[in-house]
């Protein structure tokens, strides 16, 4: 299985309600809930993530 290295945004709330993102795998961005590190991971193409981030 791919080893993702997740990071939390410096803008995350102190209550811990945020997502973590991993960009260390070429061509893939992985996203997970920071409160459930062992829970599901959403994987998207890096280009899709870039489009999402640009529109957010």
PDB file of N, CA and C in Angstrom:
ATOM      1  N   UNK A   1       0.838  -1.188   0.000  1.00  0.00           N
ATOM      2  CA  UNK A   1       0.000   0.000   0.000  1.00  0.00           C
ATOM      3  C   UNK A   1       0.878   1.245   0.000  1.00  0.00           C
ATOM      4  N   UNK A   2       0.409   2.264  -0.649  1.00  0.00           N
ATOM      5  CA  UNK A   2       1.137   3.521  -0.726  1.00  0.00           C
ATOM      6  C   UNK A   2       1.230   4.169   0.646  1.00  0.00           C
ATOM      7  N   UNK A   3       2.401   4.669   0.959  1.00  0.00           N
ATOM      8  CA  UNK A   3       2.607   5.353   2.236  1.00  0.00           C
ATOM      9  C   UNK A   3       2.449   6.861   2.030  1.00  0.00           C
ATOM     10  N   UNK A   4       1.331   7.384   2.461  1.00  0.00           N
ATOM     11  CA  UNK A   4       1.096   8.819   2.362  1.00  0.00           C
ATOM     12  C   UNK A   4       1.639   9.508   3.610  1.00  0.00           C
ATOM     13  N   UNK A   5       2.165  10.701   3.426  1.00  0.00           N
ATOM     14  CA  UNK A   5       2.655  11.513   4.543  1.00  0.00           C
ATOM     15  C   UNK A   5       1.730  12.727   4.651  1.00  0.00           C
ATOM     16  N   UNK A   6       0.785  12.633   5.567  1.00  0.00           N
ATOM     17  CA  UNK A   6      -0.243  13.655   5.705  1.00  0.00           C
ATOM     18  C   UNK A   6       0.248  14.846   6.509  1.00  0.00           C
ATOM     19  N   UNK A   7      -0.223  16.016   6.115  1.00  0.00           N
ATOM     20  CA  UNK A   7       0.055  17.245   6.850  1.00  0.00           C
ATOM     21  C   UNK A   7      -1.261  17.983   7.061  1.00  0.00           C
ATOM     22  N   UNK A   8      -1.321  18.708   8.152  1.00  0.00           N
ATOM     23  CA  UNK A   8      -2.503  19.497   8.492  1.00  0.00           C
ATOM     24  C   UNK A   8      -2.212  20.953   8.151  1.00  0.00           C
ATOM     25  N   UNK A   9      -3.188  21.640   7.656  1.00  0.00           N
ATOM     26  CA  UNK A   9      -3.038  23.043   7.304  1.00  0.00           C
ATOM     27  C   UNK A   9      -2.718  23.891   8.526  1.00  0.00           C
ATOM     28  N   UNK A  10      -1.894  24.890   8.328  1.00  0.00           N
ATOM     29  CA  UNK A  10      -1.611  25.826   9.414  1.00  0.00           C
ATOM     30  C   UNK A  10      -2.843  26.669   9.738  1.00  0.00           C
ATOM     31  N   UNK A  11      -3.849  26.639   8.881  1.00  0.00           N
ATOM     32  CA  UNK A  11      -5.089  27.364   9.109  1.00  0.00           C
ATOM     33  C   UNK A  11      -6.122  26.537   9.874  1.00  0.00           C
ATOM     34  N   UNK A  12      -5.781  25.313  10.238  1.00  0.00           N
ATOM     35  CA  UNK A  12      -6.752  24.441  10.892  1.00  0.00           C
ATOM     36  C   UNK A  12      -7.172  24.996  12.244  1.00  0.00           C
ATOM     37  N   UNK A  13      -8.388  24.667  12.607  1.00  0.00           N
ATOM     38  CA  UNK A  13      -8.933  25.150  13.873  1.00  0.00           C
ATOM     39  C   UNK A  13      -8.271  24.443  15.051  1.00  0.00           C
ATOM     40  N   UNK A  14      -8.199  25.104  16.167  1.00  0.00           N
ATOM     41  CA  UNK A  14      -7.597  24.504  17.357  1.00  0.00           C
ATOM     42  C   UNK A  14      -8.421  23.335  17.874  1.00  0.00           C
ATOM     43  N   UNK A  15      -9.687  23.252  17.463  1.00  0.00           N
ATOM     44  CA  UNK A  15     -10.537  22.143  17.877  1.00  0.00           C
ATOM     45  C   UNK A  15     -10.221  20.863  17.111  1.00  0.00           C
ATOM     46  N   UNK A  16      -9.343  20.954  16.107  1.00  0.00           N
ATOM     47  CA  UNK A  16      -8.930  19.779  15.360  1.00  0.00           C
ATOM     48  C   UNK A  16      -9.868  19.378  14.250  1.00  0.00           C
ATOM     49  N   UNK A  17     -10.847  20.203  13.951  1.00  0.00           N
ATOM     50  CA  UNK A  17     -11.806  19.883  12.902  1.00  0.00           C
ATOM     51  C   UNK A  17     -11.279  20.352  11.550  1.00  0.00           C
ATOM     52  N   UNK A  18     -10.545  19.468  10.911  1.00  0.00           N
ATOM     53  CA  UNK A  18      -9.986  19.819   9.616  1.00  0.00           C
ATOM     54  C   UNK A  18      -9.633  18.552   8.857  1.00  0.00           C
ATOM     55  N   UNK A  19      -9.129  18.736   7.676  1.00  0.00           N
ATOM     56  CA  UNK A  19      -8.650  17.613   6.885  1.00  0.00           C
ATOM     57  C   UNK A  19      -7.136  17.669   6.816  1.00  0.00           C
ATOM     58  N   UNK A  20      -6.550  16.533   6.490  1.00  0.00           N
ATOM     59  CA  UNK A  20      -5.116  16.450   6.259  1.00  0.00           C
ATOM     60  C   UNK A  20      -4.919  16.034   4.808  1.00  0.00           C
ATOM     61  N   UNK A  21      -3.856  16.530   4.205  1.00  0.00           N
ATOM     62  CA  UNK A  21      -3.589  16.276   2.802  1.00  0.00           C
ATOM     63  C   UNK A  21      -2.182  15.718   2.655  1.00  0.00           C
ATOM     64  N   UNK A  22      -2.053  14.736   1.760  1.00  0.00           N
ATOM     65  CA  UNK A  22      -0.740  14.177   1.436  1.00  0.00           C
ATOM     66  C   UNK A  22      -0.476  14.401  -0.045  1.00  0.00           C
ATOM     67  N   UNK A  23       0.675  14.969  -0.353  1.00  0.00           N
ATOM     68  CA  UNK A  23       1.041  15.224  -1.749  1.00  0.00           C
ATOM     69  C   UNK A  23       2.364  14.571  -2.113  1.00  0.00           C
ATOM     70  N   UNK A  24       2.810  13.613  -1.313  1.00  0.00           N
ATOM     71  CA  UNK A  24       4.119  13.013  -1.539  1.00  0.00           C
ATOM     72  C   UNK A  24       4.142  11.909  -2.593  1.00  0.00           C
ATOM     73  N   UNK A  25       2.989  11.501  -3.111  1.00  0.00           N
ATOM     74  CA  UNK A  25       2.934  10.480  -4.155  1.00  0.00           C
ATOM     75  C   UNK A  25       2.656  11.183  -5.484  1.00  0.00           C
ATOM     76  N   UNK A  26       3.552  11.019  -6.430  1.00  0.00           N
ATOM     77  CA  UNK A  26       3.459  11.712  -7.711  1.00  0.00           C
ATOM     78  C   UNK A  26       2.118  11.429  -8.394  1.00  0.00           C
ATOM     79  N   UNK A  27       1.449  12.515  -8.809  1.00  0.00           N
ATOM     80  CA  UNK A  27       0.198  12.400  -9.542  1.00  0.00           C
ATOM     81  C   UNK A  27      -1.042  12.171  -8.703  1.00  0.00           C
ATOM     82  N   UNK A  28      -0.876  12.054  -7.385  1.00  0.00           N
ATOM     83  CA  UNK A  28      -1.997  11.749  -6.495  1.00  0.00           C
ATOM     84  C   UNK A  28      -2.009  12.686  -5.299  1.00  0.00           C
ATOM     85  N   UNK A  29      -3.206  13.081  -4.879  1.00  0.00           N
ATOM     86  CA  UNK A  29      -3.385  13.812  -3.632  1.00  0.00           C
ATOM     87  C   UNK A  29      -4.341  12.978  -2.785  1.00  0.00           C
ATOM     88  N   UNK A  30      -3.957  12.738  -1.541  1.00  0.00           N
ATOM     89  CA  UNK A  30      -4.794  11.973  -0.618  1.00  0.00           C
ATOM     90  C   UNK A  30      -5.316  12.907   0.461  1.00  0.00           C
ATOM     91  N   UNK A  31      -6.582  12.730   0.828  1.00  0.00           N
ATOM     92  CA  UNK A  31      -7.231  13.587   1.815  1.00  0.00           C
ATOM     93  C   UNK A  31      -7.904  12.698   2.851  1.00  0.00           C
ATOM     94  N   UNK A  32      -7.771  13.076   4.135  1.00  0.00           N
ATOM     95  CA  UNK A  32      -8.450  12.322   5.194  1.00  0.00           C
ATOM     96  C   UNK A  32      -8.901  13.271   6.298  1.00  0.00           C
ATOM     97  N   UNK A  33      -9.798  12.797   7.127  1.00  0.00           N
ATOM     98  CA  UNK A  33     -10.289  13.534   8.285  1.00  0.00           C
ATOM     99  C   UNK A  33      -9.221  13.467   9.374  1.00  0.00           C
ATOM    100  N   UNK A  34      -8.805  14.599   9.892  1.00  0.00           N
ATOM    101  CA  UNK A  34      -7.741  14.611  10.904  1.00  0.00           C
ATOM    102  C   UNK A  34      -8.160  13.939  12.206  1.00  0.00           C
ATOM    103  N   UNK A  35      -9.460  13.845  12.456  1.00  0.00           N
ATOM    104  CA  UNK A  35      -9.937  13.209  13.694  1.00  0.00           C
ATOM    105  C   UNK A  35      -9.985  11.684  13.583  1.00  0.00           C
ATOM    106  N   UNK A  36      -9.824  11.155  12.373  1.00  0.00           N
ATOM    107  CA  UNK A  36      -9.920   9.712  12.156  1.00  0.00           C
ATOM    108  C   UNK A  36      -8.771   9.268  11.246  1.00  0.00           C
ATOM    109  N   UNK A  37      -7.571   9.285  11.780  1.00  0.00           N
ATOM    110  CA  UNK A  37      -6.377   8.980  10.992  1.00  0.00           C
ATOM    111  C   UNK A  37      -6.388   7.570  10.413  1.00  0.00           C
ATOM    112  N   UNK A  38      -7.121   6.665  11.027  1.00  0.00           N
ATOM    113  CA  UNK A  38      -7.207   5.293  10.517  1.00  0.00           C
ATOM    114  C   UNK A  38      -8.439   5.077   9.642  1.00  0.00           C
ATOM    115  N   UNK A  39      -9.176   6.146   9.410  1.00  0.00           N
ATOM    116  CA  UNK A  39     -10.395   6.043   8.617  1.00  0.00           C
ATOM    117  C   UNK A  39     -10.117   6.094   7.131  1.00  0.00           C
ATOM    118  N   UNK A  40     -11.168   6.306   6.356  1.00  0.00           N
ATOM    119  CA  UNK A  40     -11.027   6.285   4.902  1.00  0.00           C
ATOM    120  C   UNK A  40     -10.171   7.434   4.375  1.00  0.00           C
ATOM    121  N   UNK A  41      -9.563   7.177   3.236  1.00  0.00           N
ATOM    122  CA  UNK A  41      -8.735   8.163   2.543  1.00  0.00           C
ATOM    123  C   UNK A  41      -9.314   8.361   1.149  1.00  0.00           C
ATOM    124  N   UNK A  42      -9.492   9.600   0.763  1.00  0.00           N
ATOM    125  CA  UNK A  42      -9.944   9.925  -0.585  1.00  0.00           C
ATOM    126  C   UNK A  42      -8.709  10.233  -1.406  1.00  0.00           C
ATOM    127  N   UNK A  43      -8.581   9.583  -2.545  1.00  0.00           N
ATOM    128  CA  UNK A  43      -7.450   9.820  -3.440  1.00  0.00           C
ATOM    129  C   UNK A  43      -7.970  10.433  -4.725  1.00  0.00           C
ATOM    130  N   UNK A  44      -7.344  11.534  -5.146  1.00  0.00           N
ATOM    131  CA  UNK A  44      -7.739  12.203  -6.384  1.00  0.00           C
ATOM    132  C   UNK A  44      -6.491  12.506  -7.193  1.00  0.00           C
ATOM    133  N   UNK A  45      -6.699  12.689  -8.486  1.00  0.00           N
ATOM    134  CA  UNK A  45      -5.582  13.076  -9.351  1.00  0.00           C
ATOM    135  C   UNK A  45      -5.097  14.456  -8.936  1.00  0.00           C
ATOM    136  N   UNK A  46      -3.802  14.655  -9.026  1.00  0.00           N
ATOM    137  CA  UNK A  46      -3.223  15.951  -8.647  1.00  0.00           C
ATOM    138  C   UNK A  46      -3.848  17.083  -9.446  1.00  0.00           C
ATOM    139  N   UNK A  47      -4.155  16.844 -10.721  1.00  0.00           N
ATOM    140  CA  UNK A  47      -4.777  17.883 -11.550  1.00  0.00           C
ATOM    141  C   UNK A  47      -6.180  18.235 -11.054  1.00  0.00           C
ATOM    142  N   UNK A  48      -6.922  17.241 -10.575  1.00  0.00           N
ATOM    143  CA  UNK A  48      -8.260  17.498 -10.028  1.00  0.00           C
ATOM    144  C   UNK A  48      -8.154  18.304  -8.740  1.00  0.00           C
ATOM    145  N   UNK A  49      -7.179  17.970  -7.907  1.00  0.00           N
ATOM    146  CA  UNK A  49      -6.971  18.712  -6.659  1.00  0.00           C
ATOM    147  C   UNK A  49      -6.599  20.168  -6.966  1.00  0.00           C
ATOM    148  N   UNK A  50      -5.734  20.369  -7.944  1.00  0.00           N
ATOM    149  CA  UNK A  50      -5.328  21.726  -8.327  1.00  0.00           C
ATOM    150  C   UNK A  50      -6.532  22.546  -8.794  1.00  0.00           C
ATOM    151  N   UNK A  51      -7.403  21.926  -9.569  1.00  0.00           N
ATOM    152  CA  UNK A  51      -8.607  22.630 -10.027  1.00  0.00           C
ATOM    153  C   UNK A  51      -9.524  22.963  -8.860  1.00  0.00           C
ATOM    154  N   UNK A  52      -9.691  22.023  -7.940  1.00  0.00           N
ATOM    155  CA  UNK A  52     -10.500  22.267  -6.751  1.00  0.00           C
ATOM    156  C   UNK A  52      -9.924  23.418  -5.920  1.00  0.00           C
ATOM    157  N   UNK A  53      -8.618  23.363  -5.663  1.00  0.00           N
ATOM    158  CA  UNK A  53      -7.975  24.388  -4.838  1.00  0.00           C
ATOM    159  C   UNK A  53      -8.063  25.771  -5.495  1.00  0.00           C
ATOM    160  N   UNK A  54      -7.961  25.813  -6.804  1.00  0.00           N
ATOM    161  CA  UNK A  54      -8.038  27.092  -7.515  1.00  0.00           C
ATOM    162  C   UNK A  54      -9.434  27.710  -7.424  1.00  0.00           C
ATOM    163  N   UNK A  55     -10.452  26.841  -7.337  1.00  0.00           N
ATOM    164  CA  UNK A  55     -11.820  27.364  -7.281  1.00  0.00           C
ATOM    165  C   UNK A  55     -12.297  27.615  -5.858  1.00  0.00           C
ATOM    166  N   UNK A  56     -11.559  27.129  -4.876  1.00  0.00           N
ATOM    167  CA  UNK A  56     -11.974  27.289  -3.480  1.00  0.00           C
ATOM    168  C   UNK A  56     -11.615  28.648  -2.941  1.00  0.00           C
TER     169      UNK A  56
END
